[in-house]
Amino acid sequence: MTIDNMTGAVKGYIEIKDKETGEVLVSKSNAIHYGNMANIIANALVNAQGSYLHYMAFGNGATSVDTTGKVVYKSPRVSEAFESGANMYSRTYHKIISQNTDTDKIEVVTGPSYTDLKMTCTLGYSEPADQDLFDSSTSNQGDYVFDEMSIFSYPSDPSNAVPINTSSMLTHVIFHPVQKSQNRIIEIVYTIRIQLS
């Protein structure tokens, strides 16, 4: 009997920028929730309903400021085990990215030995609806002073009052706080690279 051992790598990278000025606000790699990612890939291979990427979520619970003014970062909430209840520290906003509009979309980009899932999400002037007028916060407090992001799957119960609560968290990235306010458009490009050998 021949056994074919395949190894794989799933890596993620995000870039957050001010869409109008082009200023890059965040540029870094992210953590993959390997247990949940393996589960959704296996379900997608058997064409299980809802086994795809659906939400980009934002939160404000992953950093604090110590007495010297230094930003302290928490560890990403990821695991090698499947965790149906995995979540961010404090999810405060989310947006559907799977409907492929001009500003919010998922593209499959095939490379020579890998495939990238390039997810673009744009938070326009009016998103979120109850944000501050200007990006002038002097602390990392506030629902839309984001310091964490995640990709979530399609919900297992779309009829739930908050459907994302029934989704699986697949990635988690923590970064220095960035305020979303009405005076700026923020574009996030979130890439997950899948490579097998």
C-alpha atoms as a PDB file:
ATOM      1  CA  MET A   1       0.000   0.000   0.000  1.00  0.00           C
ATOM      2  CA  THR A   2       1.279   3.459  -0.904  1.00  0.00           C
ATOM      3  CA  ILE A   3       0.592   6.353   1.417  1.00  0.00           C
ATOM      4  CA  ASP A   4       0.905   9.839   0.027  1.00  0.00           C
ATOM      5  CA  ASN A   5       1.842  12.288   2.761  1.00  0.00           C
ATOM      6  CA  MET A   6       0.895  15.817   1.867  1.00  0.00           C
ATOM      7  CA  THR A   7       2.058  18.814   3.846  1.00  0.00           C
ATOM      8  CA  GLY A   8       0.380  22.160   3.709  1.00  0.00           C
ATOM      9  CA  ALA A   9       0.695  25.734   4.802  1.00  0.00           C
ATOM     10  CA  VAL A  10      -1.992  28.341   5.270  1.00  0.00           C
ATOM     11  CA  LYS A  11      -0.705  31.852   5.835  1.00  0.00           C
ATOM     12  CA  GLY A  12      -2.444  35.179   6.125  1.00  0.00           C
ATOM     13  CA  TYR A  13      -1.490  38.795   5.598  1.00  0.00           C
ATOM     14  CA  ILE A  14      -3.423  42.036   5.987  1.00  0.00           C
ATOM     15  CA  GLU A  15      -3.002  45.582   4.787  1.00  0.00           C
ATOM     16  CA  ILE A  16      -5.246  48.362   6.070  1.00  0.00           C
ATOM     17  CA  LYS A  17      -5.006  51.721   4.377  1.00  0.00           C
ATOM     18  CA  ASP A  18      -6.743  55.040   4.067  1.00  0.00           C
ATOM     19  CA  LYS A  19      -8.346  54.620   0.657  1.00  0.00           C
ATOM     20  CA  GLU A  20      -8.142  58.297  -0.327  1.00  0.00           C
ATOM     21  CA  THR A  21      -4.623  59.189   0.855  1.00  0.00           C
ATOM     22  CA  GLY A  22      -3.089  55.751   0.284  1.00  0.00           C
ATOM     23  CA  GLU A  23      -1.520  55.848   3.756  1.00  0.00           C
ATOM     24  CA  VAL A  24      -0.870  52.315   5.015  1.00  0.00           C
ATOM     25  CA  LEU A  25      -2.186  52.074   8.571  1.00  0.00           C
ATOM     26  CA  VAL A  26      -1.434  48.397   9.233  1.00  0.00           C
ATOM     27  CA  SER A  27       0.671  45.860   7.336  1.00  0.00           C
ATOM     28  CA  LYS A  28       1.298  42.507   8.996  1.00  0.00           C
ATOM     29  CA  SER A  29       0.746  38.755   8.972  1.00  0.00           C
ATOM     30  CA  ASN A  30      -2.066  37.122  10.914  1.00  0.00           C
ATOM     31  CA  ALA A  31      -2.699  33.949  12.876  1.00  0.00           C
ATOM     32  CA  ILE A  32      -4.722  31.072  11.400  1.00  0.00           C
ATOM     33  CA  HIS A  33      -7.153  29.079  13.528  1.00  0.00           C
ATOM     34  CA  TYR A  34      -5.914  25.767  12.112  1.00  0.00           C
ATOM     35  CA  GLY A  35      -8.587  23.603  13.738  1.00  0.00           C
ATOM     36  CA  ASN A  36     -11.446  25.651  12.306  1.00  0.00           C
ATOM     37  CA  MET A  37      -9.715  26.170   8.947  1.00  0.00           C
ATOM     38  CA  ALA A  38      -9.183  22.407   8.525  1.00  0.00           C
ATOM     39  CA  ASN A  39     -12.847  21.818   9.348  1.00  0.00           C
ATOM     40  CA  ILE A  40     -14.164  24.309   6.779  1.00  0.00           C
ATOM     41  CA  ILE A  41     -11.804  23.031   4.052  1.00  0.00           C
ATOM     42  CA  ALA A  42     -12.936  19.439   4.664  1.00  0.00           C
ATOM     43  CA  ASN A  43     -16.594  20.525   4.557  1.00  0.00           C
ATOM     44  CA  ALA A  44     -16.008  22.518   1.360  1.00  0.00           C
ATOM     45  CA  LEU A  45     -14.485  19.430  -0.309  1.00  0.00           C
ATOM     46  CA  VAL A  46     -17.726  17.509   0.227  1.00  0.00           C
ATOM     47  CA  ASN A  47     -19.762  20.550  -0.846  1.00  0.00           C
ATOM     48  CA  ALA A  48     -21.328  21.011   2.594  1.00  0.00           C
ATOM     49  CA  GLN A  49     -23.773  23.892   2.560  1.00  0.00           C
ATOM     50  CA  GLY A  50     -22.347  27.152   3.863  1.00  0.00           C
ATOM     51  CA  SER A  51     -18.694  26.047   3.936  1.00  0.00           C
ATOM     52  CA  TYR A  52     -17.183  29.261   2.683  1.00  0.00           C
ATOM     53  CA  LEU A  53     -15.759  32.589   3.845  1.00  0.00           C
ATOM     54  CA  HIS A  54     -18.482  35.124   4.541  1.00  0.00           C
ATOM     55  CA  TYR A  55     -17.639  37.845   7.095  1.00  0.00           C
ATOM     56  CA  MET A  56     -14.777  40.181   7.884  1.00  0.00           C
ATOM     57  CA  ALA A  57     -15.099  41.163  11.536  1.00  0.00           C
ATOM     58  CA  PHE A  58     -13.523  43.973  13.537  1.00  0.00           C
ATOM     59  CA  GLY A  59     -13.033  44.420  17.267  1.00  0.00           C
ATOM     60  CA  ASN A  60     -11.501  46.544  19.979  1.00  0.00           C
ATOM     61  CA  GLY A  61     -10.506  44.187  22.776  1.00  0.00           C
ATOM     62  CA  ALA A  62      -7.009  43.009  21.866  1.00  0.00           C
ATOM     63  CA  THR A  63      -4.836  45.812  23.236  1.00  0.00           C
ATOM     64  CA  SER A  64      -4.460  47.893  26.371  1.00  0.00           C
ATOM     65  CA  VAL A  65      -2.243  50.790  27.369  1.00  0.00           C
ATOM     66  CA  ASP A  66       0.006  50.448  30.415  1.00  0.00           C
ATOM     67  CA  THR A  67       0.924  53.208  32.871  1.00  0.00           C
ATOM     68  CA  THR A  68       3.870  54.315  30.723  1.00  0.00           C
ATOM     69  CA  GLY A  69       1.667  54.745  27.645  1.00  0.00           C
ATOM     70  CA  LYS A  70       2.948  51.606  25.924  1.00  0.00           C
ATOM     71  CA  VAL A  71       0.460  49.549  23.904  1.00  0.00           C
ATOM     72  CA  VAL A  72       0.236  45.967  25.219  1.00  0.00           C
ATOM     73  CA  TYR A  73      -0.926  43.302  22.748  1.00  0.00           C
ATOM     74  CA  LYS A  74      -2.864  40.163  23.685  1.00  0.00           C
ATOM     75  CA  SER A  75      -2.206  36.829  21.969  1.00  0.00           C
ATOM     76  CA  PRO A  76      -4.355  35.809  18.976  1.00  0.00           C
ATOM     77  CA  ARG A  77      -7.182  33.442  19.895  1.00  0.00           C
ATOM     78  CA  VAL A  78      -6.310  30.527  17.650  1.00  0.00           C
ATOM     79  CA  SER A  79      -5.909  26.798  18.178  1.00  0.00           C
ATOM     80  CA  GLU A  80      -4.983  23.601  16.374  1.00  0.00           C
ATOM     81  CA  ALA A  81      -8.235  22.048  17.634  1.00  0.00           C
ATOM     82  CA  PHE A  82     -11.701  22.692  16.221  1.00  0.00           C
ATOM     83  CA  GLU A  83     -13.552  25.223  18.393  1.00  0.00           C
ATOM     84  CA  SER A  84     -17.076  26.046  17.325  1.00  0.00           C
ATOM     85  CA  GLY A  85     -17.247  28.901  19.837  1.00  0.00           C
ATOM     86  CA  ALA A  86     -13.901  30.550  19.001  1.00  0.00           C
ATOM     87  CA  ASN A  87     -14.234  34.319  18.910  1.00  0.00           C
ATOM     88  CA  MET A  88     -12.385  37.594  19.042  1.00  0.00           C
ATOM     89  CA  TYR A  89     -11.787  39.435  22.311  1.00  0.00           C
ATOM     90  CA  SER A  90     -14.479  42.034  21.590  1.00  0.00           C
ATOM     91  CA  ARG A  91     -16.172  41.901  18.190  1.00  0.00           C
ATOM     92  CA  THR A  92     -17.844  45.268  17.555  1.00  0.00           C
ATOM     93  CA  TYR A  93     -18.540  45.310  13.819  1.00  0.00           C
ATOM     94  CA  HIS A  94     -18.690  42.911  10.880  1.00  0.00           C
ATOM     95  CA  LYS A  95     -19.393  43.047   7.187  1.00  0.00           C
ATOM     96  CA  ILE A  96     -20.335  40.471   4.559  1.00  0.00           C
ATOM     97  CA  ILE A  97     -17.576  40.066   1.973  1.00  0.00           C
ATOM     98  CA  SER A  98     -18.824  37.038   0.023  1.00  0.00           C
ATOM     99  CA  GLN A  99     -21.329  38.836  -2.214  1.00  0.00           C
ATOM    100  CA  ASN A 100     -18.601  40.200  -4.523  1.00  0.00           C
ATOM    101  CA  THR A 101     -19.460  43.861  -4.985  1.00  0.00           C
ATOM    102  CA  ASP A 102     -17.062  46.505  -6.293  1.00  0.00           C
ATOM    103  CA  THR A 103     -15.864  47.317  -2.780  1.00  0.00           C
ATOM    104  CA  ASP A 104     -16.318  44.040  -0.876  1.00  0.00           C
ATOM    105  CA  LYS A 105     -15.189  40.853  -2.585  1.00  0.00           C
ATOM    106  CA  ILE A 106     -13.218  37.637  -2.492  1.00  0.00           C
ATOM    107  CA  GLU A 107     -10.923  36.806  -5.407  1.00  0.00           C
ATOM    108  CA  VAL A 108      -9.107  33.530  -6.075  1.00  0.00           C
ATOM    109  CA  VAL A 109      -5.594  34.242  -7.354  1.00  0.00           C
ATOM    110  CA  THR A 110      -3.618  31.243  -8.605  1.00  0.00           C
ATOM    111  CA  GLY A 111       0.158  31.382  -8.251  1.00  0.00           C
ATOM    112  CA  PRO A 112       2.872  28.980  -9.456  1.00  0.00           C
ATOM    113  CA  SER A 113       2.700  26.741  -6.347  1.00  0.00           C
ATOM    114  CA  TYR A 114      -0.052  28.270  -4.225  1.00  0.00           C
ATOM    115  CA  THR A 115      -3.520  29.789  -4.357  1.00  0.00           C
ATOM    116  CA  ASP A 116      -4.397  33.069  -2.666  1.00  0.00           C
ATOM    117  CA  LEU A 117      -7.799  34.108  -1.391  1.00  0.00           C
ATOM    118  CA  LYS A 118      -7.686  37.898  -1.679  1.00  0.00           C
ATOM    119  CA  MET A 119     -10.468  39.493   0.361  1.00  0.00           C
ATOM    120  CA  THR A 120     -11.158  43.199  -0.004  1.00  0.00           C
ATOM    121  CA  CYS A 121     -13.445  45.057   2.393  1.00  0.00           C
ATOM    122  CA  THR A 122     -14.098  48.790   2.257  1.00  0.00           C
ATOM    123  CA  LEU A 123     -15.541  50.734   5.165  1.00  0.00           C
ATOM    124  CA  GLY A 124     -17.021  53.858   3.578  1.00  0.00           C
ATOM    125  CA  TYR A 125     -17.739  57.233   5.132  1.00  0.00           C
ATOM    126  CA  SER A 126     -21.056  56.014   6.577  1.00  0.00           C
ATOM    127  CA  GLU A 127     -19.815  52.678   7.957  1.00  0.00           C
ATOM    128  CA  PRO A 128     -20.360  51.926  10.819  1.00  0.00           C
ATOM    129  CA  ALA A 129     -23.499  54.047  11.138  1.00  0.00           C
ATOM    130  CA  ASP A 130     -22.812  55.316  14.681  1.00  0.00           C
ATOM    131  CA  GLN A 131     -19.091  56.080  14.373  1.00  0.00           C
ATOM    132  CA  ASP A 132     -17.406  59.321  15.488  1.00  0.00           C
ATOM    133  CA  LEU A 133     -17.201  62.270  13.089  1.00  0.00           C
ATOM    134  CA  PHE A 134     -13.387  62.492  13.181  1.00  0.00           C
ATOM    135  CA  ASP A 135     -10.487  60.130  13.874  1.00  0.00           C
ATOM    136  CA  SER A 136      -9.337  62.170  16.881  1.00  0.00           C
ATOM    137  CA  SER A 137      -9.640  59.640  19.711  1.00  0.00           C
ATOM    138  CA  THR A 138      -6.888  60.010  22.309  1.00  0.00           C
ATOM    139  CA  SER A 139      -7.272  56.468  23.665  1.00  0.00           C
ATOM    140  CA  ASN A 140      -7.773  52.946  22.379  1.00  0.00           C
ATOM    141  CA  GLN A 141     -11.317  52.929  23.769  1.00  0.00           C
ATOM    142  CA  GLY A 142     -14.445  53.028  21.624  1.00  0.00           C
ATOM    143  CA  ASP A 143     -16.266  50.434  19.562  1.00  0.00           C
ATOM    144  CA  TYR A 144     -14.637  51.554  16.316  1.00  0.00           C
ATOM    145  CA  VAL A 145     -11.070  51.998  17.481  1.00  0.00           C
ATOM    146  CA  PHE A 146     -10.173  48.657  15.939  1.00  0.00           C
ATOM    147  CA  ASP A 147      -7.219  46.564  17.130  1.00  0.00           C
ATOM    148  CA  GLU A 148      -8.269  43.091  15.968  1.00  0.00           C
ATOM    149  CA  MET A 149      -9.777  41.489  12.863  1.00  0.00           C
ATOM    150  CA  SER A 150     -10.968  38.050  11.845  1.00  0.00           C
ATOM    151  CA  ILE A 151     -12.445  36.163   8.929  1.00  0.00           C
ATOM    152  CA  PHE A 152     -15.574  34.135   9.723  1.00  0.00           C
ATOM    153  CA  SER A 153     -17.379  31.431   7.759  1.00  0.00           C
ATOM    154  CA  TYR A 154     -20.976  31.476   6.595  1.00  0.00           C
ATOM    155  CA  PRO A 155     -23.261  31.015   9.649  1.00  0.00           C
ATOM    156  CA  SER A 156     -24.589  27.552  10.467  1.00  0.00           C
ATOM    157  CA  ASP A 157     -27.856  29.246  11.484  1.00  0.00           C
ATOM    158  CA  PRO A 158     -28.586  32.224   9.195  1.00  0.00           C
ATOM    159  CA  SER A 159     -31.933  32.760  10.975  1.00  0.00           C
ATOM    160  CA  ASN A 160     -30.186  33.506  14.286  1.00  0.00           C
ATOM    161  CA  ALA A 161     -30.794  37.064  15.568  1.00  0.00           C
ATOM    162  CA  VAL A 162     -27.042  37.676  15.087  1.00  0.00           C
ATOM    163  CA  PRO A 163     -26.063  35.135  12.393  1.00  0.00           C
ATOM    164  CA  ILE A 164     -22.285  35.623  12.775  1.00  0.00           C
ATOM    165  CA  ASN A 165     -22.640  34.147  16.281  1.00  0.00           C
ATOM    166  CA  THR A 166     -23.090  30.759  14.580  1.00  0.00           C
ATOM    167  CA  SER A 167     -20.077  31.174  12.260  1.00  0.00           C
ATOM    168  CA  SER A 168     -16.588  29.702  12.703  1.00  0.00           C
ATOM    169  CA  MET A 169     -13.689  32.086  13.294  1.00  0.00           C
ATOM    170  CA  LEU A 170     -10.917  31.139  10.839  1.00  0.00           C
ATOM    171  CA  THR A 171      -8.231  33.777  11.398  1.00  0.00           C
ATOM    172  CA  HIS A 172      -7.279  36.374  13.991  1.00  0.00           C
ATOM    173  CA  VAL A 173      -4.922  39.314  13.708  1.00  0.00           C
ATOM    174  CA  ILE A 174      -4.046  41.858  16.392  1.00  0.00           C
ATOM    175  CA  PHE A 175      -2.543  45.263  15.587  1.00  0.00           C
ATOM    176  CA  HIS A 176      -2.061  48.776  16.950  1.00  0.00           C
ATOM    177  CA  PRO A 177      -5.399  50.618  17.295  1.00  0.00           C
ATOM    178  CA  VAL A 178      -6.875  52.263  14.180  1.00  0.00           C
ATOM    179  CA  GLN A 179      -9.949  54.460  14.487  1.00  0.00           C
ATOM    180  CA  LYS A 180     -12.698  54.276  11.867  1.00  0.00           C
ATOM    181  CA  SER A 181     -14.611  57.558  11.677  1.00  0.00           C
ATOM    182  CA  GLN A 182     -16.780  59.445   9.198  1.00  0.00           C
ATOM    183  CA  ASN A 183     -13.899  61.500   7.795  1.00  0.00           C
ATOM    184  CA  ARG A 184     -12.077  58.553   6.212  1.00  0.00           C
ATOM    185  CA  ILE A 185     -12.614  55.530   4.001  1.00  0.00           C
ATOM    186  CA  ILE A 186     -10.640  52.490   5.088  1.00  0.00           C
ATOM    187  CA  GLU A 187      -9.811  49.631   2.734  1.00  0.00           C
ATOM    188  CA  ILE A 188      -8.685  46.276   4.052  1.00  0.00           C
ATOM    189  CA  VAL A 189      -6.993  43.710   1.824  1.00  0.00           C
ATOM    190  CA  TYR A 190      -6.793  40.400   3.665  1.00  0.00           C
ATOM    191  CA  THR A 191      -4.933  37.589   1.880  1.00  0.00           C
ATOM    192  CA  ILE A 192      -4.929  33.932   2.861  1.00  0.00           C
ATOM    193  CA  ARG A 193      -2.369  31.847   0.987  1.00  0.00           C
ATOM    194  CA  ILE A 194      -2.905  28.074   0.714  1.00  0.00           C
ATOM    195  CA  GLN A 195       0.052  25.951  -0.350  1.00  0.00           C
ATOM    196  CA  LEU A 196       0.314  22.162  -0.475  1.00  0.00           C
ATOM    197  CA  SER A 197       3.293  19.943  -1.219  1.00  0.00           C
END
